[in-house]
N, C-alpha and C. Protein backbone atom coordinates (compact mmCIF):
# COMPACT_ATOMS: atom_id res chain seq x y z
N MET A 1 123.90 72.76 90.77
CA MET A 1 124.10 74.17 90.52
C MET A 1 123.60 74.48 89.11
N VAL A 2 122.76 75.49 89.02
CA VAL A 2 122.17 75.88 87.75
C VAL A 2 123.11 76.78 86.95
N PHE A 3 123.75 77.73 87.65
CA PHE A 3 124.64 78.71 87.01
C PHE A 3 126.00 78.66 87.68
N ALA A 4 126.97 79.36 87.12
CA ALA A 4 128.29 79.48 87.73
C ALA A 4 128.12 80.08 89.14
N PRO A 5 129.04 79.72 90.06
CA PRO A 5 128.88 80.20 91.44
C PRO A 5 128.78 81.72 91.56
N ASP A 6 129.58 82.48 90.82
CA ASP A 6 129.50 83.94 90.96
C ASP A 6 128.20 84.48 90.38
N THR A 7 127.65 83.79 89.39
CA THR A 7 126.35 84.20 88.85
C THR A 7 125.26 83.99 89.89
N GLU A 8 125.28 82.85 90.56
CA GLU A 8 124.26 82.59 91.58
C GLU A 8 124.36 83.59 92.74
N VAL A 9 125.59 83.93 93.13
CA VAL A 9 125.77 84.93 94.19
C VAL A 9 125.19 86.27 93.73
N ALA A 10 125.49 86.67 92.51
CA ALA A 10 124.98 87.94 91.99
C ALA A 10 123.46 87.93 91.91
N LEU A 11 122.88 86.83 91.47
CA LEU A 11 121.42 86.73 91.39
C LEU A 11 120.78 86.80 92.77
N ARG A 12 121.39 86.15 93.74
CA ARG A 12 120.86 86.22 95.11
C ARG A 12 120.95 87.64 95.66
N THR A 13 122.00 88.36 95.28
CA THR A 13 122.12 89.76 95.69
C THR A 13 121.04 90.60 95.04
N VAL A 14 120.74 90.33 93.78
CA VAL A 14 119.65 91.05 93.11
C VAL A 14 118.34 90.81 93.85
N VAL A 15 118.06 89.57 94.20
CA VAL A 15 116.85 89.24 94.95
C VAL A 15 116.83 90.01 96.27
N ALA A 16 117.94 90.00 96.99
CA ALA A 16 118.00 90.70 98.27
C ALA A 16 117.78 92.20 98.08
N LEU A 17 118.36 92.76 97.01
CA LEU A 17 118.19 94.19 96.75
C LEU A 17 116.72 94.50 96.44
N ILE A 18 116.12 93.75 95.54
CA ILE A 18 114.71 93.98 95.19
C ILE A 18 113.84 93.82 96.43
N ASN A 19 114.07 92.77 97.19
CA ASN A 19 113.24 92.49 98.35
C ASN A 19 113.49 93.43 99.51
N SER A 20 114.51 94.29 99.40
CA SER A 20 114.72 95.29 100.45
C SER A 20 113.62 96.35 100.44
N ALA A 21 112.75 96.31 99.43
CA ALA A 21 111.60 97.21 99.39
C ALA A 21 110.30 96.45 99.18
N ALA A 22 110.30 95.16 99.45
CA ALA A 22 109.09 94.34 99.23
C ALA A 22 108.04 94.64 100.29
N ASN A 23 106.80 94.44 99.90
CA ASN A 23 105.66 94.55 100.81
C ASN A 23 105.59 95.91 101.50
N SER A 24 105.92 96.94 100.75
CA SER A 24 105.85 98.33 101.23
C SER A 24 106.74 98.60 102.45
N GLU A 25 107.78 97.83 102.60
CA GLU A 25 108.75 98.05 103.68
C GLU A 25 110.06 98.49 103.06
N GLU A 26 110.69 99.50 103.64
CA GLU A 26 111.96 100.02 103.14
C GLU A 26 113.08 99.61 104.09
N HIS A 27 113.97 98.74 103.60
CA HIS A 27 115.09 98.28 104.42
C HIS A 27 116.41 98.94 104.03
N LEU A 28 116.36 99.85 103.06
CA LEU A 28 117.54 100.63 102.68
C LEU A 28 117.22 102.12 102.78
N ALA A 29 116.75 102.52 103.94
CA ALA A 29 116.32 103.91 104.13
C ALA A 29 117.49 104.85 104.40
N THR A 30 118.58 104.34 104.94
CA THR A 30 119.69 105.20 105.32
C THR A 30 121.00 104.68 104.72
N ILE A 31 121.99 105.51 104.78
CA ILE A 31 123.32 105.11 104.32
C ILE A 31 123.83 103.95 105.17
N GLU A 32 123.51 103.96 106.45
CA GLU A 32 123.92 102.86 107.34
C GLU A 32 123.25 101.55 106.93
N ASP A 33 121.97 101.63 106.53
CA ASP A 33 121.28 100.43 106.02
C ASP A 33 122.00 99.90 104.78
N LEU A 34 122.39 100.80 103.90
CA LEU A 34 123.11 100.40 102.69
C LEU A 34 124.46 99.79 103.06
N ASP A 35 125.15 100.37 104.04
CA ASP A 35 126.42 99.81 104.51
C ASP A 35 126.23 98.36 104.95
N ARG A 36 125.20 98.11 105.77
CA ARG A 36 124.94 96.75 106.26
C ARG A 36 124.61 95.81 105.12
N PHE A 37 123.80 96.29 104.18
CA PHE A 37 123.43 95.47 103.03
C PHE A 37 124.67 95.07 102.23
N LEU A 38 125.51 96.05 101.92
CA LEU A 38 126.70 95.78 101.12
C LEU A 38 127.66 94.85 101.83
N GLN A 39 127.78 95.00 103.14
CA GLN A 39 128.64 94.11 103.91
C GLN A 39 128.08 92.69 103.90
N ALA A 40 126.78 92.56 104.10
CA ALA A 40 126.15 91.23 104.10
C ALA A 40 126.28 90.56 102.74
N GLU A 41 126.24 91.35 101.67
CA GLU A 41 126.32 90.79 100.32
C GLU A 41 127.75 90.70 99.80
N GLY A 42 128.72 91.15 100.59
CA GLY A 42 130.12 91.03 100.20
C GLY A 42 130.55 92.00 99.12
N PHE A 43 129.91 93.16 99.03
CA PHE A 43 130.28 94.16 98.03
C PHE A 43 131.45 94.98 98.52
N SER A 44 132.43 95.16 97.67
CA SER A 44 133.59 95.98 98.01
C SER A 44 133.78 97.03 96.93
N GLY A 45 134.76 97.88 97.11
CA GLY A 45 135.05 98.90 96.12
C GLY A 45 134.74 100.29 96.64
N ALA A 46 134.91 101.26 95.76
CA ALA A 46 134.76 102.68 96.12
C ALA A 46 133.35 102.99 96.57
N ARG A 47 133.25 103.93 97.49
CA ARG A 47 131.97 104.39 98.02
C ARG A 47 132.04 105.88 98.25
N THR A 48 130.92 106.56 98.03
CA THR A 48 130.83 107.97 98.40
C THR A 48 130.09 108.13 99.72
N ARG A 49 129.28 107.13 100.09
CA ARG A 49 128.51 107.13 101.34
C ARG A 49 127.70 108.41 101.51
N ASP A 50 127.01 108.82 100.45
CA ASP A 50 126.18 110.02 100.54
C ASP A 50 124.77 109.72 100.03
N ALA A 51 123.91 110.72 100.14
CA ALA A 51 122.51 110.56 99.75
C ALA A 51 122.38 110.26 98.26
N ALA A 52 123.24 110.83 97.43
CA ALA A 52 123.19 110.57 95.99
C ALA A 52 123.47 109.10 95.68
N GLU A 53 124.42 108.51 96.41
CA GLU A 53 124.73 107.10 96.20
C GLU A 53 123.54 106.23 96.60
N LEU A 54 122.93 106.54 97.74
CA LEU A 54 121.75 105.79 98.19
C LEU A 54 120.62 105.93 97.17
N ALA A 55 120.41 107.13 96.66
CA ALA A 55 119.36 107.35 95.66
C ALA A 55 119.65 106.57 94.38
N SER A 56 120.92 106.48 93.99
CA SER A 56 121.27 105.73 92.78
C SER A 56 121.01 104.23 92.96
N VAL A 57 121.23 103.73 94.17
CA VAL A 57 120.93 102.32 94.45
C VAL A 57 119.42 102.10 94.45
N HIS A 58 118.66 103.04 94.98
CA HIS A 58 117.19 102.94 94.94
C HIS A 58 116.70 102.92 93.49
N LYS A 59 117.29 103.76 92.64
CA LYS A 59 116.91 103.80 91.22
C LYS A 59 117.22 102.46 90.56
N LEU A 60 118.41 101.93 90.84
CA LEU A 60 118.79 100.62 90.29
C LEU A 60 117.81 99.55 90.76
N ARG A 61 117.46 99.59 92.04
CA ARG A 61 116.52 98.60 92.59
C ARG A 61 115.20 98.64 91.82
N SER A 62 114.71 99.83 91.50
CA SER A 62 113.47 99.95 90.73
C SER A 62 113.62 99.35 89.34
N GLN A 63 114.76 99.59 88.70
CA GLN A 63 114.99 99.03 87.37
C GLN A 63 115.04 97.50 87.44
N LEU A 64 115.72 96.96 88.44
CA LEU A 64 115.82 95.51 88.57
C LEU A 64 114.48 94.88 88.94
N THR A 65 113.69 95.59 89.74
CA THR A 65 112.36 95.08 90.10
C THR A 65 111.51 94.94 88.84
N GLY A 66 111.54 95.94 87.98
CA GLY A 66 110.80 95.87 86.73
C GLY A 66 111.31 94.76 85.82
N LEU A 67 112.61 94.60 85.79
CA LEU A 67 113.24 93.59 84.95
C LEU A 67 112.79 92.18 85.34
N TRP A 68 112.52 91.98 86.62
CA TRP A 68 112.19 90.64 87.14
C TRP A 68 110.96 90.04 86.48
N THR A 69 110.03 90.88 86.03
CA THR A 69 108.79 90.36 85.45
C THR A 69 108.67 90.68 83.96
N MET A 70 109.72 91.17 83.34
CA MET A 70 109.69 91.48 81.91
C MET A 70 109.76 90.21 81.07
N ASP A 71 109.29 90.34 79.83
CA ASP A 71 109.52 89.25 78.89
C ASP A 71 110.98 89.31 78.44
N GLU A 72 111.41 88.30 77.73
CA GLU A 72 112.82 88.17 77.38
C GLU A 72 113.34 89.37 76.58
N ASP A 73 112.59 89.82 75.59
CA ASP A 73 113.06 90.93 74.76
C ASP A 73 113.24 92.22 75.57
N ALA A 74 112.28 92.52 76.41
CA ALA A 74 112.39 93.72 77.26
C ALA A 74 113.54 93.57 78.25
N ALA A 75 113.72 92.38 78.79
CA ALA A 75 114.82 92.14 79.73
C ALA A 75 116.16 92.35 79.03
N VAL A 76 116.29 91.88 77.81
CA VAL A 76 117.53 92.07 77.04
C VAL A 76 117.82 93.55 76.86
N GLU A 77 116.80 94.33 76.51
CA GLU A 77 116.99 95.78 76.36
C GLU A 77 117.49 96.42 77.65
N THR A 78 116.89 96.03 78.77
CA THR A 78 117.28 96.60 80.06
C THR A 78 118.69 96.18 80.44
N VAL A 79 119.01 94.91 80.28
CA VAL A 79 120.35 94.41 80.60
C VAL A 79 121.39 95.13 79.74
N ASN A 80 121.14 95.24 78.45
CA ASN A 80 122.08 95.92 77.56
C ASN A 80 122.25 97.39 77.95
N ARG A 81 121.16 98.05 78.33
CA ARG A 81 121.26 99.45 78.75
C ARG A 81 122.08 99.58 80.03
N LEU A 82 121.86 98.68 81.00
CA LEU A 82 122.66 98.73 82.23
C LEU A 82 124.15 98.56 81.92
N LEU A 83 124.48 97.65 81.05
CA LEU A 83 125.88 97.42 80.68
C LEU A 83 126.46 98.61 79.91
N ARG A 84 125.68 99.14 78.99
CA ARG A 84 126.12 100.27 78.17
C ARG A 84 126.35 101.51 79.04
N GLU A 85 125.40 101.82 79.93
CA GLU A 85 125.51 103.02 80.76
C GLU A 85 126.68 102.95 81.73
N ALA A 86 127.09 101.75 82.11
CA ALA A 86 128.23 101.59 83.02
C ALA A 86 129.54 101.45 82.26
N ASN A 87 129.49 101.54 80.93
CA ASN A 87 130.69 101.33 80.12
C ASN A 87 131.37 100.01 80.47
N ALA A 88 130.56 98.97 80.55
CA ALA A 88 131.04 97.66 80.98
C ALA A 88 132.13 97.12 80.06
N LEU A 89 133.17 96.60 80.65
CA LEU A 89 134.27 95.99 79.94
C LEU A 89 134.64 94.71 80.70
N PRO A 90 134.07 93.57 80.31
CA PRO A 90 134.29 92.33 81.07
C PRO A 90 135.77 91.97 81.19
N GLN A 91 136.16 91.54 82.39
CA GLN A 91 137.53 91.11 82.65
C GLN A 91 137.54 90.17 83.85
N LEU A 92 138.52 89.29 83.88
CA LEU A 92 138.67 88.37 85.00
C LEU A 92 139.38 89.08 86.15
N ILE A 93 138.86 88.89 87.36
CA ILE A 93 139.39 89.54 88.56
C ILE A 93 139.47 88.51 89.68
N LYS A 94 140.48 88.65 90.53
CA LYS A 94 140.61 87.84 91.75
C LYS A 94 140.76 88.82 92.90
N HIS A 95 139.90 88.72 93.91
CA HIS A 95 139.99 89.61 95.07
C HIS A 95 139.35 88.96 96.28
N ASP A 96 139.71 89.50 97.44
CA ASP A 96 139.19 89.01 98.72
C ASP A 96 139.26 87.48 98.74
N GLU A 97 138.14 86.81 99.10
CA GLU A 97 138.17 85.34 99.16
C GLU A 97 137.80 84.70 97.83
N TRP A 98 137.53 85.51 96.80
CA TRP A 98 137.08 85.01 95.51
C TRP A 98 138.25 84.65 94.61
N ASP A 99 138.14 83.49 93.97
CA ASP A 99 139.09 83.12 92.93
C ASP A 99 138.70 83.87 91.66
N TRP A 100 139.26 83.52 90.52
CA TRP A 100 138.97 84.22 89.27
C TRP A 100 137.47 84.21 88.97
N HIS A 101 136.96 85.39 88.70
CA HIS A 101 135.56 85.55 88.31
C HIS A 101 135.45 86.80 87.44
N LEU A 102 134.29 87.01 86.88
CA LEU A 102 134.09 88.07 85.91
C LEU A 102 133.57 89.35 86.57
N HIS A 103 134.25 90.45 86.29
CA HIS A 103 133.78 91.79 86.63
C HIS A 103 133.71 92.56 85.32
N ALA A 104 132.86 93.55 85.29
CA ALA A 104 132.77 94.35 84.06
C ALA A 104 132.91 95.84 84.34
N THR A 105 133.27 96.18 85.57
CA THR A 105 133.57 97.56 85.94
C THR A 105 134.78 97.54 86.85
N THR A 106 135.34 98.69 87.06
CA THR A 106 136.47 98.79 87.99
C THR A 106 135.95 98.96 89.41
N ARG A 107 136.82 98.73 90.38
CA ARG A 107 136.46 98.91 91.79
C ARG A 107 136.18 100.38 92.09
N GLU A 108 136.63 101.27 91.24
CA GLU A 108 136.45 102.71 91.45
C GLU A 108 135.16 103.23 90.83
N ALA A 109 134.48 102.44 90.03
CA ALA A 109 133.23 102.87 89.40
C ALA A 109 132.19 103.17 90.47
N PRO A 110 131.23 104.04 90.18
CA PRO A 110 130.18 104.32 91.16
C PRO A 110 129.46 103.04 91.60
N LEU A 111 129.05 103.00 92.85
CA LEU A 111 128.43 101.81 93.43
C LEU A 111 127.27 101.29 92.60
N ALA A 112 126.33 102.15 92.24
CA ALA A 112 125.17 101.68 91.48
C ALA A 112 125.58 101.11 90.12
N ASP A 113 126.62 101.66 89.50
CA ASP A 113 127.12 101.09 88.24
C ASP A 113 127.68 99.70 88.47
N ARG A 114 128.46 99.54 89.55
CA ARG A 114 129.03 98.22 89.84
C ARG A 114 127.93 97.21 90.15
N MET A 115 126.97 97.62 90.98
CA MET A 115 125.86 96.72 91.32
C MET A 115 125.02 96.38 90.10
N GLY A 116 124.70 97.39 89.29
CA GLY A 116 123.90 97.17 88.10
C GLY A 116 124.60 96.29 87.09
N THR A 117 125.89 96.50 86.92
CA THR A 117 126.65 95.70 85.97
C THR A 117 126.74 94.25 86.44
N GLU A 118 126.98 94.05 87.72
CA GLU A 118 127.04 92.69 88.24
C GLU A 118 125.70 91.99 88.06
N ALA A 119 124.62 92.70 88.34
CA ALA A 119 123.28 92.13 88.13
C ALA A 119 123.06 91.82 86.65
N ALA A 120 123.41 92.77 85.79
CA ALA A 120 123.22 92.57 84.36
C ALA A 120 124.03 91.38 83.84
N MET A 121 125.27 91.25 84.29
CA MET A 121 126.11 90.13 83.85
C MET A 121 125.50 88.79 84.28
N ALA A 122 124.95 88.75 85.48
CA ALA A 122 124.30 87.52 85.94
C ALA A 122 123.04 87.25 85.12
N LEU A 123 122.29 88.29 84.84
CA LEU A 123 121.07 88.12 84.06
C LEU A 123 121.36 87.74 82.61
N VAL A 124 122.53 88.11 82.10
CA VAL A 124 122.95 87.65 80.78
C VAL A 124 122.95 86.12 80.77
N ASP A 125 123.51 85.51 81.81
CA ASP A 125 123.53 84.05 81.88
C ASP A 125 122.12 83.47 81.96
N VAL A 126 121.25 84.11 82.73
CA VAL A 126 119.87 83.64 82.86
C VAL A 126 119.17 83.69 81.50
N ILE A 127 119.32 84.79 80.80
CA ILE A 127 118.66 84.96 79.51
C ILE A 127 119.23 84.00 78.47
N ARG A 128 120.56 83.92 78.40
CA ARG A 128 121.19 83.02 77.41
C ARG A 128 120.84 81.57 77.66
N SER A 129 120.63 81.21 78.91
CA SER A 129 120.29 79.83 79.26
C SER A 129 118.79 79.55 79.15
N LYS A 130 118.02 80.56 78.76
CA LYS A 130 116.56 80.42 78.66
C LYS A 130 115.97 79.97 80.00
N GLU A 131 116.42 80.62 81.07
CA GLU A 131 115.99 80.25 82.42
C GLU A 131 115.23 81.38 83.12
N MET A 132 114.65 82.31 82.37
CA MET A 132 113.93 83.42 83.01
C MET A 132 112.73 82.95 83.81
N ASP A 133 112.26 81.72 83.53
CA ASP A 133 111.13 81.21 84.31
C ASP A 133 111.53 80.89 85.76
N ARG A 134 112.81 81.01 86.08
CA ARG A 134 113.27 80.84 87.47
C ARG A 134 113.12 82.14 88.26
N MET A 135 112.79 83.22 87.57
CA MET A 135 112.60 84.53 88.20
C MET A 135 111.11 84.71 88.45
N LEU A 136 110.69 84.61 89.70
CA LEU A 136 109.28 84.58 90.06
C LEU A 136 108.94 85.68 91.06
N VAL A 137 107.65 85.89 91.23
CA VAL A 137 107.14 86.71 92.31
C VAL A 137 106.53 85.73 93.32
N CYS A 138 106.70 86.01 94.59
CA CYS A 138 106.21 85.13 95.65
C CYS A 138 104.76 84.74 95.40
N ALA A 139 104.44 83.47 95.61
CA ALA A 139 103.10 82.95 95.36
C ALA A 139 102.10 83.34 96.45
N ALA A 140 102.55 83.87 97.57
CA ALA A 140 101.63 84.30 98.62
C ALA A 140 100.83 85.50 98.12
N GLU A 141 99.54 85.47 98.34
CA GLU A 141 98.66 86.53 97.84
C GLU A 141 98.99 87.90 98.41
N ASP A 142 99.51 87.94 99.62
CA ASP A 142 99.77 89.22 100.28
C ASP A 142 101.24 89.62 100.25
N CYS A 143 102.01 89.08 99.31
CA CYS A 143 103.44 89.36 99.24
C CYS A 143 103.84 89.72 97.82
N ASP A 144 104.68 90.75 97.68
CA ASP A 144 105.16 91.12 96.35
C ASP A 144 106.67 90.95 96.21
N ALA A 145 107.28 90.20 97.13
CA ALA A 145 108.71 89.93 97.05
C ALA A 145 109.01 89.02 95.86
N VAL A 146 110.26 89.05 95.40
CA VAL A 146 110.65 88.20 94.28
C VAL A 146 111.33 86.94 94.79
N VAL A 147 111.35 85.94 93.93
CA VAL A 147 111.90 84.63 94.24
C VAL A 147 112.83 84.22 93.11
N LEU A 148 113.95 83.66 93.45
CA LEU A 148 114.85 83.05 92.48
C LEU A 148 114.83 81.56 92.74
N ASP A 149 114.29 80.81 91.81
CA ASP A 149 114.17 79.37 91.98
C ASP A 149 115.38 78.67 91.37
N LEU A 150 116.31 78.29 92.23
CA LEU A 150 117.50 77.56 91.79
C LEU A 150 117.39 76.07 92.10
N SER A 151 116.19 75.62 92.48
CA SER A 151 116.01 74.21 92.80
C SER A 151 116.06 73.36 91.53
N ARG A 152 116.48 72.13 91.68
CA ARG A 152 116.56 71.23 90.53
C ARG A 152 115.20 70.98 89.90
N ASN A 153 114.20 70.81 90.76
CA ASN A 153 112.88 70.46 90.25
C ASN A 153 111.98 71.68 90.03
N ARG A 154 112.56 72.87 90.11
CA ARG A 154 111.84 74.11 89.86
C ARG A 154 110.59 74.24 90.72
N SER A 155 110.73 73.96 92.01
CA SER A 155 109.57 73.92 92.89
C SER A 155 109.46 75.10 93.85
N LYS A 156 110.44 75.98 93.90
CA LYS A 156 110.39 77.09 94.84
C LYS A 156 109.34 78.09 94.38
N ARG A 157 108.44 78.45 95.28
CA ARG A 157 107.36 79.37 94.93
C ARG A 157 107.23 80.54 95.89
N TYR A 158 107.85 80.43 97.05
CA TYR A 158 107.68 81.45 98.08
C TYR A 158 109.01 82.13 98.38
N CYS A 159 108.94 83.39 98.78
CA CYS A 159 110.13 84.19 99.06
C CYS A 159 110.76 83.80 100.39
N ASP A 160 111.88 84.43 100.65
CA ASP A 160 112.60 84.20 101.90
C ASP A 160 112.50 85.40 102.84
N THR A 161 111.56 86.31 102.57
CA THR A 161 111.48 87.53 103.37
C THR A 161 110.71 87.36 104.66
N GLY A 162 109.91 86.32 104.75
CA GLY A 162 109.10 86.12 105.95
C GLY A 162 108.65 84.68 106.06
N ASN A 163 107.42 84.51 106.40
CA ASN A 163 106.87 83.17 106.62
C ASN A 163 105.85 82.81 105.56
N CYS A 164 106.03 83.28 104.35
CA CYS A 164 105.03 83.07 103.31
C CYS A 164 104.73 81.59 103.08
N ALA A 165 105.75 80.77 102.92
CA ALA A 165 105.54 79.35 102.66
C ALA A 165 104.84 78.69 103.85
N ASN A 166 105.28 79.01 105.03
CA ASN A 166 104.67 78.42 106.23
C ASN A 166 103.19 78.82 106.34
N ARG A 167 102.89 80.10 106.12
CA ARG A 167 101.50 80.55 106.21
C ARG A 167 100.65 79.86 105.16
N ALA A 168 101.16 79.69 103.95
CA ALA A 168 100.40 79.03 102.88
C ALA A 168 100.15 77.57 103.21
N HIS A 169 101.16 76.90 103.75
CA HIS A 169 101.00 75.49 104.10
C HIS A 169 100.01 75.31 105.25
N VAL A 170 100.07 76.18 106.24
CA VAL A 170 99.12 76.11 107.35
C VAL A 170 97.70 76.37 106.86
N ALA A 171 97.53 77.36 105.99
CA ALA A 171 96.20 77.66 105.45
C ALA A 171 95.66 76.48 104.64
N ALA A 172 96.51 75.84 103.85
CA ALA A 172 96.08 74.68 103.06
C ALA A 172 95.70 73.52 103.98
N TYR A 173 96.48 73.32 105.03
CA TYR A 173 96.17 72.26 106.00
C TYR A 173 94.82 72.52 106.66
N ARG A 174 94.61 73.74 107.09
CA ARG A 174 93.34 74.08 107.75
C ARG A 174 92.18 73.93 106.79
N ALA A 175 92.37 74.28 105.54
CA ALA A 175 91.31 74.14 104.54
C ALA A 175 90.98 72.66 104.32
N ARG A 176 92.01 71.83 104.27
CA ARG A 176 91.78 70.39 104.10
C ARG A 176 91.03 69.82 105.31
N LYS A 177 91.43 70.24 106.51
CA LYS A 177 90.76 69.77 107.73
C LYS A 177 89.30 70.22 107.77
N ALA A 178 89.04 71.46 107.36
CA ALA A 178 87.70 71.98 107.38
C ALA A 178 86.81 71.27 106.35
N ALA A 179 87.41 70.84 105.25
CA ALA A 179 86.67 70.16 104.20
C ALA A 179 86.33 68.72 104.56
N SER A 180 87.08 68.14 105.49
CA SER A 180 86.84 66.72 105.81
C SER A 180 86.01 66.51 107.04
């Protein structure tokens, strides 16, 4: 494990959120799509379930997408802004199936603030650990999804949104066969 368990969960949620718009496909087009996403990612707390909430999550997704490829200084500015705008106040919380872990907003805070703060708190660990090189863009030429490499040997290069790794391996195999 590279990071604390709740940090890894939050980072995986960030990847899922960013990749919900990868490759010009929109997987959070409706409030129902957002409901399914939040349930799959285990997000709880207050919801307005309206178009403004969906738009705020889309805005957050854009900010996090940009953050994924920023240099460290720019990432720090973005993370600090996300925390500042949400009036983040870190505290230990125990809820649902989770033991003690860190939250920096209340369950009543707006959804995008809670999501952004959780992402920012996880990215604080990434930045402090000097591990931003684990935040990648898929190596497939025709894919713009992001990748979080939590492997020990830092070998993950392809996203989990489709068959990018399989297609790349098949293409390399065919190229080797054609060359011989």
